[in-house]
Amino acid sequence: MNKKQLRLEYKELRDSLTPEHIEKGSLEIANRLLDLPIWNFSYYHLFLSISEKKEVDTQLILHILQGKDKNIVLSKSDFKSGSLTNYLLTDSTVIKVNDWGIPEPVDGIEIPATKIDVVFIPLLVFDKKGNRIGYGKGFYDRFLSLCTKEVVKVGLSLFPAEEEIKEINEHDVPLDYCITPGKIYNFKNL
């Protein structure tokens, strides 16, 4: 299947998920994250879930990061430039849902992409080589290209890996790990 077909298929699969399935899967993903070798870093970029799109609920991951006293970075999307501006989450951060349903910070202390150590990445589908498909706007590929080569890229998915995604191009940034309710996929040694 090509990217367009996979996007459609996984959007339909997500639409069929119940709130209970998302809650249970998100809890299992958060628990599996604790087994990753990523907890010695300082700056963690997290996406806030779009509940209407039935994404992995990242609130549990947010609580884990807060409990470990990590610096949490959230993005604000610029749909004209296709870029993300990254802000440190603080007690005074105001979160507002934008026109596309994305919860994001209004403003705050800007954090350069080069300072971020770990990025949790939303996706629709991924394969056994660490390739992923998002919503098709390229926000995360552009953002990840600004990070250091050492940044740890962790996908979160409620579904297992596809065998292979066709049509990968040079701008597509692969994952280091992907966490599902049933498994941790490690792509670092491929």
Protein backbone atom coordinates (compact mmCIF):
# COMPACT_ATOMS: atom_id res chain seq x y z
CA MET A 1 0.00 0.00 0.00
CA ASN A 2 1.14 3.53 -0.65
CA LYS A 3 1.19 6.34 1.93
CA LYS A 4 -2.21 7.69 0.91
CA GLN A 5 -3.86 4.26 1.25
CA LEU A 6 -2.18 3.61 4.61
CA ARG A 7 -3.29 7.02 5.93
CA LEU A 8 -6.88 6.27 4.99
CA GLU A 9 -6.79 2.75 6.43
CA TYR A 10 -5.32 3.85 9.77
CA LYS A 11 -7.64 6.83 10.10
CA GLU A 12 -10.53 4.36 9.72
CA LEU A 13 -8.95 1.99 12.25
CA ARG A 14 -8.57 4.86 14.71
CA ASP A 15 -12.17 5.94 14.16
CA SER A 16 -13.28 2.47 15.24
CA LEU A 17 -11.48 2.70 18.61
CA THR A 18 -13.56 3.11 21.75
CA PRO A 19 -12.55 5.55 24.51
CA GLU A 20 -11.84 2.51 26.71
CA HIS A 21 -9.48 1.04 24.08
CA ILE A 22 -7.59 4.35 23.82
CA GLU A 23 -7.36 4.70 27.60
CA LYS A 24 -6.12 1.13 28.11
CA GLY A 25 -3.65 1.33 25.20
CA SER A 26 -2.33 4.71 26.35
CA LEU A 27 -1.74 3.34 29.86
CA GLU A 28 0.15 0.33 28.47
CA ILE A 29 2.26 2.62 26.26
CA ALA A 30 3.11 4.89 29.21
CA ASN A 31 4.13 1.86 31.31
CA ARG A 32 6.33 0.47 28.50
CA LEU A 33 8.06 3.84 28.14
CA LEU A 34 9.54 3.34 31.60
CA ASP A 35 11.63 0.47 30.15
CA LEU A 36 13.33 2.67 27.54
CA PRO A 37 16.90 3.92 28.14
CA ILE A 38 15.83 7.56 27.78
CA TRP A 39 15.52 8.82 31.35
CA ASN A 40 18.96 10.39 31.82
CA PHE A 41 18.17 13.39 29.62
CA SER A 42 16.82 16.84 30.47
CA TYR A 43 14.58 18.14 27.64
CA TYR A 44 11.61 16.07 26.41
CA HIS A 45 9.37 17.23 23.59
CA LEU A 46 5.80 15.98 23.97
CA PHE A 47 2.73 16.42 21.79
CA LEU A 48 -0.62 17.03 23.44
CA SER A 49 -3.20 14.63 22.05
CA ILE A 50 -5.98 15.58 19.67
CA SER A 51 -8.81 13.62 21.25
CA GLU A 52 -11.05 14.01 18.17
CA LYS A 53 -8.42 12.17 16.12
CA LYS A 54 -8.26 9.40 18.73
CA GLU A 55 -4.52 9.78 19.27
CA VAL A 56 -2.57 8.11 22.06
CA ASP A 57 -3.45 10.02 25.24
CA THR A 58 -0.17 11.64 26.34
CA GLN A 59 -1.42 12.91 29.72
CA LEU A 60 0.09 9.88 31.47
CA ILE A 61 3.45 10.52 29.80
CA LEU A 62 3.21 14.16 30.87
CA HIS A 63 2.71 13.02 34.47
CA ILE A 64 5.68 10.64 34.25
CA LEU A 65 7.90 13.46 32.95
CA GLN A 66 6.69 15.80 35.68
CA GLY A 67 7.24 13.10 38.31
CA LYS A 68 10.82 12.66 37.07
CA ASP A 69 11.28 16.46 37.18
CA LYS A 70 12.10 16.71 33.46
CA ASN A 71 11.93 19.83 31.28
CA ILE A 72 8.85 19.38 29.09
CA VAL A 73 8.72 21.13 25.74
CA LEU A 74 5.48 21.67 23.80
CA SER A 75 5.07 22.99 20.26
CA LYS A 76 2.94 25.60 18.61
CA SER A 77 2.17 24.95 14.93
CA ASP A 78 2.53 27.53 12.18
CA PHE A 79 0.48 26.20 9.28
CA LYS A 80 1.74 28.92 6.89
CA SER A 81 5.38 27.93 7.24
CA GLY A 82 4.81 24.30 8.27
CA SER A 83 7.03 24.83 11.29
CA LEU A 84 6.85 24.22 15.03
CA THR A 85 7.90 26.72 17.68
CA ASN A 86 8.91 25.00 20.90
CA TYR A 87 8.08 26.30 24.38
CA LEU A 88 9.03 25.14 27.85
CA LEU A 89 6.00 23.98 29.84
CA THR A 90 5.82 25.96 33.10
CA ASP A 91 3.17 26.57 35.75
CA SER A 92 2.15 29.72 33.87
CA THR A 93 1.90 28.15 30.39
CA VAL A 94 -1.51 28.77 28.83
CA ILE A 95 -2.72 25.93 26.58
CA LYS A 96 -5.27 26.75 23.88
CA VAL A 97 -6.81 24.50 21.22
CA ASN A 98 -6.03 25.93 17.77
CA ASP A 99 -8.32 25.95 14.70
CA TRP A 100 -7.16 22.42 13.77
CA GLY A 101 -8.02 20.97 17.20
CA ILE A 102 -4.41 20.85 18.44
CA PRO A 103 -3.84 21.81 22.10
CA GLU A 104 -0.76 24.01 22.17
CA PRO A 105 0.95 26.72 24.22
CA VAL A 106 -0.01 30.31 23.46
CA ASP A 107 3.57 31.50 24.09
CA GLY A 108 6.31 31.20 26.68
CA ILE A 109 10.02 30.51 27.00
CA GLU A 110 11.20 29.41 23.58
CA ILE A 111 13.48 26.35 23.47
CA PRO A 112 15.69 25.76 20.40
CA ALA A 113 15.30 22.38 18.68
CA THR A 114 19.01 21.70 19.26
CA LYS A 115 18.44 21.66 23.03
CA ILE A 116 15.82 18.87 22.92
CA ASP A 117 17.04 15.39 23.88
CA VAL A 118 13.96 13.18 23.34
CA VAL A 119 10.98 13.71 21.03
CA PHE A 120 7.72 11.79 21.40
CA ILE A 121 6.16 11.67 17.93
CA PRO A 122 2.53 11.29 16.92
CA LEU A 123 1.91 9.07 13.91
CA LEU A 124 -0.76 7.19 12.03
CA VAL A 125 1.28 4.14 11.02
CA PHE A 126 4.88 2.89 11.16
CA ASP A 127 6.82 -0.06 9.78
CA LYS A 128 9.38 -2.58 11.07
CA LYS A 129 12.24 -0.38 9.85
CA GLY A 130 11.19 2.68 11.85
CA ASN A 131 9.61 4.60 8.99
CA ARG A 132 6.43 6.44 9.90
CA ILE A 133 3.49 8.19 8.33
CA GLY A 134 1.86 11.18 9.99
CA TYR A 135 -0.88 13.45 8.76
CA GLY A 136 1.15 14.46 5.70
CA LYS A 137 2.05 18.07 6.49
CA GLY A 138 5.72 17.37 7.30
CA PHE A 139 5.79 19.32 10.59
CA TYR A 140 7.78 16.67 12.47
CA ASP A 141 10.20 15.91 9.62
CA ARG A 142 11.09 19.62 9.39
CA PHE A 143 11.32 19.92 13.18
CA LEU A 144 13.48 16.78 13.57
CA SER A 145 15.85 18.02 10.85
CA LEU A 146 16.61 20.99 13.16
CA CYS A 147 17.40 18.78 16.17
CA THR A 148 20.82 17.28 16.83
CA LYS A 149 21.74 13.92 15.29
CA GLU A 150 21.67 12.46 18.82
CA VAL A 151 18.02 13.34 19.53
CA VAL A 152 16.04 10.22 20.48
CA LYS A 153 12.89 9.84 18.36
CA VAL A 154 10.09 7.83 20.02
CA GLY A 155 6.89 7.10 18.13
CA LEU A 156 3.66 6.29 19.94
CA SER A 157 1.11 4.03 18.28
CA LEU A 158 -2.01 2.15 19.34
CA PHE A 159 -1.37 -0.31 16.48
CA PRO A 160 1.49 -2.73 15.68
CA ALA A 161 4.00 -2.14 12.87
CA GLU A 162 3.28 -2.68 9.19
CA GLU A 163 5.82 -4.85 7.39
CA GLU A 164 7.06 -2.02 5.13
CA ILE A 165 6.03 1.47 4.09
CA LYS A 166 6.72 2.22 0.44
CA GLU A 167 7.52 5.70 -0.93
CA ILE A 168 9.98 6.77 1.76
CA ASN A 169 11.88 9.88 0.68
CA GLU A 170 15.05 11.60 1.89
CA HIS A 171 13.08 14.10 4.03
CA ASP A 172 11.36 11.35 6.05
CA VAL A 173 13.07 11.02 9.44
CA PRO A 174 12.90 7.47 10.86
CA LEU A 175 12.18 6.60 14.49
CA ASP A 176 14.62 5.20 17.05
CA TYR A 177 11.81 3.48 18.94
CA CYS A 178 8.07 3.02 18.65
CA ILE A 179 5.96 2.06 21.62
CA THR A 180 2.66 0.21 21.23
CA PRO A 181 0.43 -1.33 23.89
CA GLY A 182 1.92 -4.74 23.10
CA LYS A 183 5.57 -4.08 22.29
CA ILE A 184 8.62 -1.82 22.24
CA TYR A 185 10.11 -1.63 18.73
CA ASN A 186 13.81 -0.74 18.72
CA PHE A 187 15.17 0.61 15.41
CA LYS A 188 18.49 1.97 16.72
CA ASN A 189 20.52 -1.05 15.59
CA LEU A 190 18.94 -1.63 12.17
